[in-house]
Amino acid sequence: VNVSSDALVGVPNAFSPNGDGFNDVYKPVLLAYNLNAFSIYHRWGEQVFVTSNIDNGWNGSINGKAGELGAYVVIISATSFKGDPLQLQTSVTLVK
């Protein structure tokens, strides 16, 4: 068995927090990285979710209410197990 030390980042581009048990929580997949911060911003630039715990994901709610359908900005800051920094900005679409 050959085990690579290369890091891997997976970031879905859409999710559907509709309570059906599939894609109800949005979070990145980071292999060989330690998460520093994972933030979500709505289209007006206000932060609607933040965590530094990779086990916590965004359920699509904003201040306890269902978020509006549409695109949100995702910013991820992490450090690889080798010490290399990762700064990633992308978007996610909330669909129902």
N, C-alpha and C. Protein backbone atom coordinates (compact mmCIF):
# COMPACT_ATOMS: atom_id res chain seq x y z
N VAL A 1 0.85 -1.17 0.00
CA VAL A 1 0.00 0.00 0.00
C VAL A 1 0.89 1.23 0.00
N ASN A 2 0.60 2.13 -0.92
CA ASN A 2 1.34 3.38 -1.01
C ASN A 2 0.44 4.51 -0.52
N VAL A 3 0.83 5.18 0.54
CA VAL A 3 0.04 6.27 1.10
C VAL A 3 0.70 7.58 0.73
N SER A 4 -0.05 8.44 0.06
CA SER A 4 0.47 9.74 -0.35
C SER A 4 0.26 10.76 0.76
N SER A 5 1.19 11.67 0.88
CA SER A 5 1.03 12.74 1.86
C SER A 5 0.43 13.99 1.22
N ASP A 6 0.01 13.88 -0.05
CA ASP A 6 -0.58 15.02 -0.74
C ASP A 6 -1.92 15.38 -0.12
N ALA A 7 -2.17 16.66 -0.04
CA ALA A 7 -3.42 17.15 0.53
C ALA A 7 -4.51 17.17 -0.53
N LEU A 8 -5.75 17.07 -0.07
CA LEU A 8 -6.90 17.07 -0.96
C LEU A 8 -7.98 17.97 -0.37
N VAL A 9 -8.58 18.78 -1.23
CA VAL A 9 -9.66 19.67 -0.81
C VAL A 9 -10.85 19.42 -1.71
N GLY A 10 -12.01 19.17 -1.10
CA GLY A 10 -13.25 19.01 -1.84
C GLY A 10 -14.27 20.01 -1.34
N VAL A 11 -14.81 20.80 -2.27
CA VAL A 11 -15.77 21.83 -1.88
C VAL A 11 -16.98 21.72 -2.81
N PRO A 12 -18.10 21.23 -2.31
CA PRO A 12 -19.30 21.15 -3.15
C PRO A 12 -19.73 22.54 -3.63
N ASN A 13 -20.40 22.61 -4.78
CA ASN A 13 -20.83 23.91 -5.29
C ASN A 13 -22.33 24.17 -5.08
N ALA A 14 -23.04 23.20 -4.48
CA ALA A 14 -24.46 23.38 -4.18
C ALA A 14 -24.87 22.43 -3.06
N PHE A 15 -25.94 22.80 -2.36
CA PHE A 15 -26.52 21.90 -1.36
C PHE A 15 -27.98 22.26 -1.17
N SER A 16 -28.72 21.31 -0.59
CA SER A 16 -30.18 21.48 -0.46
C SER A 16 -30.62 21.14 0.96
N PRO A 17 -30.61 22.13 1.84
CA PRO A 17 -31.00 21.88 3.24
C PRO A 17 -32.53 21.81 3.39
N ASN A 18 -33.12 20.76 2.82
CA ASN A 18 -34.58 20.65 2.81
C ASN A 18 -35.11 19.56 3.74
N GLY A 19 -34.22 18.96 4.55
CA GLY A 19 -34.64 17.98 5.54
C GLY A 19 -34.85 16.58 5.01
N ASP A 20 -34.42 16.31 3.78
CA ASP A 20 -34.61 14.97 3.22
C ASP A 20 -33.48 14.00 3.59
N GLY A 21 -32.47 14.49 4.31
CA GLY A 21 -31.37 13.63 4.72
C GLY A 21 -30.22 13.56 3.72
N PHE A 22 -30.34 14.25 2.59
CA PHE A 22 -29.29 14.28 1.58
C PHE A 22 -28.85 15.72 1.35
N ASN A 23 -27.57 15.97 1.48
CA ASN A 23 -27.01 17.31 1.23
C ASN A 23 -27.68 18.39 2.07
N ASP A 24 -28.03 18.07 3.31
CA ASP A 24 -28.69 19.05 4.18
C ASP A 24 -27.70 19.97 4.89
N VAL A 25 -26.44 19.59 4.95
CA VAL A 25 -25.41 20.39 5.62
C VAL A 25 -24.26 20.58 4.65
N TYR A 26 -23.77 21.82 4.58
CA TYR A 26 -22.68 22.15 3.68
C TYR A 26 -21.38 22.28 4.47
N LYS A 27 -20.37 21.53 4.05
CA LYS A 27 -19.05 21.67 4.65
C LYS A 27 -18.01 21.14 3.67
N PRO A 28 -16.80 21.67 3.75
CA PRO A 28 -15.73 21.20 2.87
C PRO A 28 -15.18 19.86 3.36
N VAL A 29 -14.50 19.18 2.46
CA VAL A 29 -13.77 17.96 2.79
C VAL A 29 -12.30 18.30 2.68
N LEU A 30 -11.59 18.21 3.78
CA LEU A 30 -10.17 18.53 3.82
C LEU A 30 -9.39 17.31 4.29
N LEU A 31 -8.58 16.75 3.41
CA LEU A 31 -7.72 15.62 3.78
C LEU A 31 -6.29 16.14 3.86
N ALA A 32 -5.65 15.89 4.96
CA ALA A 32 -4.28 16.32 5.25
C ALA A 32 -4.20 17.83 5.47
N TYR A 33 -5.30 18.41 5.93
CA TYR A 33 -5.34 19.82 6.30
C TYR A 33 -5.98 19.98 7.66
N ASN A 34 -5.54 20.99 8.38
CA ASN A 34 -6.20 21.44 9.61
C ASN A 34 -6.97 22.70 9.27
N LEU A 35 -8.25 22.72 9.58
CA LEU A 35 -9.08 23.87 9.29
C LEU A 35 -8.79 25.00 10.27
N ASN A 36 -8.56 26.20 9.74
CA ASN A 36 -8.40 27.39 10.57
C ASN A 36 -9.74 28.13 10.68
N ALA A 37 -10.40 28.30 9.53
CA ALA A 37 -11.69 28.99 9.50
C ALA A 37 -12.45 28.62 8.23
N PHE A 38 -13.76 28.48 8.38
CA PHE A 38 -14.67 28.20 7.28
C PHE A 38 -15.83 29.17 7.44
N SER A 39 -15.98 30.09 6.48
CA SER A 39 -16.97 31.16 6.60
C SER A 39 -17.88 31.19 5.37
N ILE A 40 -19.13 31.61 5.61
CA ILE A 40 -20.12 31.78 4.55
C ILE A 40 -20.63 33.22 4.62
N TYR A 41 -20.75 33.88 3.47
CA TYR A 41 -21.25 35.25 3.38
C TYR A 41 -22.38 35.31 2.37
N HIS A 42 -23.42 36.12 2.68
CA HIS A 42 -24.49 36.28 1.71
C HIS A 42 -24.11 37.36 0.70
N ARG A 43 -24.99 37.59 -0.26
CA ARG A 43 -24.64 38.46 -1.39
C ARG A 43 -24.37 39.91 -1.01
N TRP A 44 -24.76 40.34 0.19
CA TRP A 44 -24.47 41.70 0.64
C TRP A 44 -23.19 41.75 1.47
N GLY A 45 -22.49 40.63 1.58
CA GLY A 45 -21.20 40.60 2.25
C GLY A 45 -21.24 40.36 3.75
N GLU A 46 -22.42 40.10 4.30
CA GLU A 46 -22.51 39.83 5.74
C GLU A 46 -22.21 38.36 6.02
N GLN A 47 -21.41 38.12 7.04
CA GLN A 47 -21.08 36.75 7.42
C GLN A 47 -22.31 36.10 8.05
N VAL A 48 -22.70 34.93 7.51
CA VAL A 48 -23.88 34.23 8.02
C VAL A 48 -23.52 32.94 8.74
N PHE A 49 -22.26 32.50 8.60
CA PHE A 49 -21.81 31.27 9.27
C PHE A 49 -20.30 31.31 9.37
N VAL A 50 -19.76 30.83 10.50
CA VAL A 50 -18.32 30.69 10.66
C VAL A 50 -18.05 29.57 11.66
N THR A 51 -17.01 28.80 11.39
CA THR A 51 -16.56 27.77 12.32
C THR A 51 -15.07 27.50 12.08
N SER A 52 -14.45 26.92 13.09
CA SER A 52 -13.09 26.42 12.95
C SER A 52 -13.06 24.92 13.21
N ASN A 53 -14.23 24.33 13.37
CA ASN A 53 -14.37 22.90 13.62
C ASN A 53 -14.82 22.21 12.34
N ILE A 54 -14.00 21.36 11.76
CA ILE A 54 -14.30 20.70 10.49
C ILE A 54 -15.55 19.82 10.57
N ASP A 55 -15.94 19.43 11.76
CA ASP A 55 -17.14 18.61 11.91
C ASP A 55 -18.43 19.42 11.85
N ASN A 56 -18.32 20.74 11.97
CA ASN A 56 -19.50 21.60 11.91
C ASN A 56 -19.70 22.10 10.49
N GLY A 57 -20.92 22.02 10.02
CA GLY A 57 -21.25 22.53 8.70
C GLY A 57 -22.41 23.50 8.78
N TRP A 58 -22.65 24.18 7.67
CA TRP A 58 -23.74 25.16 7.60
C TRP A 58 -25.02 24.46 7.17
N ASN A 59 -26.08 24.66 7.92
CA ASN A 59 -27.37 24.02 7.62
C ASN A 59 -28.28 24.90 6.77
N GLY A 60 -27.75 26.01 6.27
CA GLY A 60 -28.52 26.90 5.41
C GLY A 60 -29.34 27.93 6.14
N SER A 61 -29.27 27.95 7.46
CA SER A 61 -30.06 28.92 8.21
C SER A 61 -29.24 30.19 8.47
N ILE A 62 -29.99 31.29 8.59
CA ILE A 62 -29.39 32.58 8.90
C ILE A 62 -30.21 33.17 10.05
N ASN A 63 -29.56 33.36 11.18
CA ASN A 63 -30.23 33.86 12.39
C ASN A 63 -31.45 33.01 12.73
N GLY A 64 -31.33 31.69 12.58
CA GLY A 64 -32.39 30.77 12.96
C GLY A 64 -33.49 30.58 11.93
N LYS A 65 -33.39 31.27 10.79
CA LYS A 65 -34.40 31.15 9.73
C LYS A 65 -33.76 30.60 8.48
N ALA A 66 -34.55 29.92 7.64
CA ALA A 66 -34.04 29.35 6.40
C ALA A 66 -33.44 30.45 5.52
N GLY A 67 -32.24 30.19 5.01
CA GLY A 67 -31.60 31.15 4.11
C GLY A 67 -32.30 31.21 2.77
N GLU A 68 -32.15 32.34 2.10
CA GLU A 68 -32.73 32.51 0.78
C GLU A 68 -32.00 31.64 -0.23
N LEU A 69 -32.73 31.19 -1.24
CA LEU A 69 -32.13 30.45 -2.33
C LEU A 69 -31.15 31.38 -3.04
N GLY A 70 -30.06 30.81 -3.54
CA GLY A 70 -29.10 31.63 -4.27
C GLY A 70 -27.67 31.29 -3.93
N ALA A 71 -26.77 32.14 -4.41
CA ALA A 71 -25.34 31.92 -4.24
C ALA A 71 -24.81 32.63 -3.00
N TYR A 72 -23.86 31.97 -2.35
CA TYR A 72 -23.19 32.48 -1.16
C TYR A 72 -21.68 32.33 -1.36
N VAL A 73 -20.92 33.26 -0.80
CA VAL A 73 -19.46 33.20 -0.88
C VAL A 73 -18.93 32.31 0.24
N VAL A 74 -17.98 31.45 -0.10
CA VAL A 74 -17.34 30.54 0.84
C VAL A 74 -15.86 30.90 0.93
N ILE A 75 -15.36 31.08 2.14
CA ILE A 75 -13.93 31.34 2.34
C ILE A 75 -13.41 30.31 3.33
N ILE A 76 -12.34 29.63 2.91
CA ILE A 76 -11.73 28.58 3.73
C ILE A 76 -10.26 28.93 3.95
N SER A 77 -9.85 28.85 5.20
CA SER A 77 -8.45 29.02 5.57
C SER A 77 -8.02 27.75 6.30
N ALA A 78 -6.93 27.15 5.82
CA ALA A 78 -6.46 25.90 6.42
C ALA A 78 -4.94 25.83 6.31
N THR A 79 -4.37 24.87 7.01
CA THR A 79 -2.93 24.63 6.97
C THR A 79 -2.72 23.13 6.74
N SER A 80 -1.89 22.79 5.76
CA SER A 80 -1.62 21.38 5.51
C SER A 80 -0.80 20.80 6.64
N PHE A 81 -0.80 19.49 6.74
CA PHE A 81 -0.01 18.84 7.77
C PHE A 81 1.48 19.11 7.58
N LYS A 82 1.87 19.53 6.37
CA LYS A 82 3.26 19.90 6.09
C LYS A 82 3.54 21.35 6.47
N GLY A 83 2.48 22.10 6.82
CA GLY A 83 2.64 23.50 7.21
C GLY A 83 2.33 24.49 6.11
N ASP A 84 1.89 24.01 4.94
CA ASP A 84 1.57 24.90 3.83
C ASP A 84 0.19 25.53 4.03
N PRO A 85 0.07 26.85 3.84
CA PRO A 85 -1.22 27.50 4.03
C PRO A 85 -2.13 27.30 2.82
N LEU A 86 -3.42 27.31 3.08
CA LEU A 86 -4.43 27.24 2.03
C LEU A 86 -5.43 28.37 2.27
N GLN A 87 -5.65 29.20 1.28
CA GLN A 87 -6.68 30.24 1.30
C GLN A 87 -7.52 30.00 0.06
N LEU A 88 -8.79 29.68 0.25
CA LEU A 88 -9.66 29.35 -0.87
C LEU A 88 -10.94 30.17 -0.78
N GLN A 89 -11.31 30.79 -1.90
CA GLN A 89 -12.58 31.50 -1.99
C GLN A 89 -13.34 30.93 -3.16
N THR A 90 -14.58 30.53 -2.92
CA THR A 90 -15.43 29.96 -3.96
C THR A 90 -16.88 30.33 -3.63
N SER A 91 -17.81 29.70 -4.29
CA SER A 91 -19.21 29.97 -3.99
C SER A 91 -19.98 28.67 -3.87
N VAL A 92 -21.13 28.76 -3.19
CA VAL A 92 -22.03 27.63 -3.05
C VAL A 92 -23.43 28.16 -3.34
N THR A 93 -24.23 27.32 -3.99
CA THR A 93 -25.61 27.68 -4.27
C THR A 93 -26.53 26.90 -3.35
N LEU A 94 -27.38 27.61 -2.62
CA LEU A 94 -28.37 27.00 -1.76
C LEU A 94 -29.62 26.77 -2.61
N VAL A 95 -30.01 25.51 -2.75
CA VAL A 95 -31.20 25.13 -3.52
C VAL A 95 -32.13 24.34 -2.62
N LYS A 96 -33.37 24.22 -2.99
CA LYS A 96 -34.34 23.42 -2.21
C LYS A 96 -34.79 22.23 -3.01
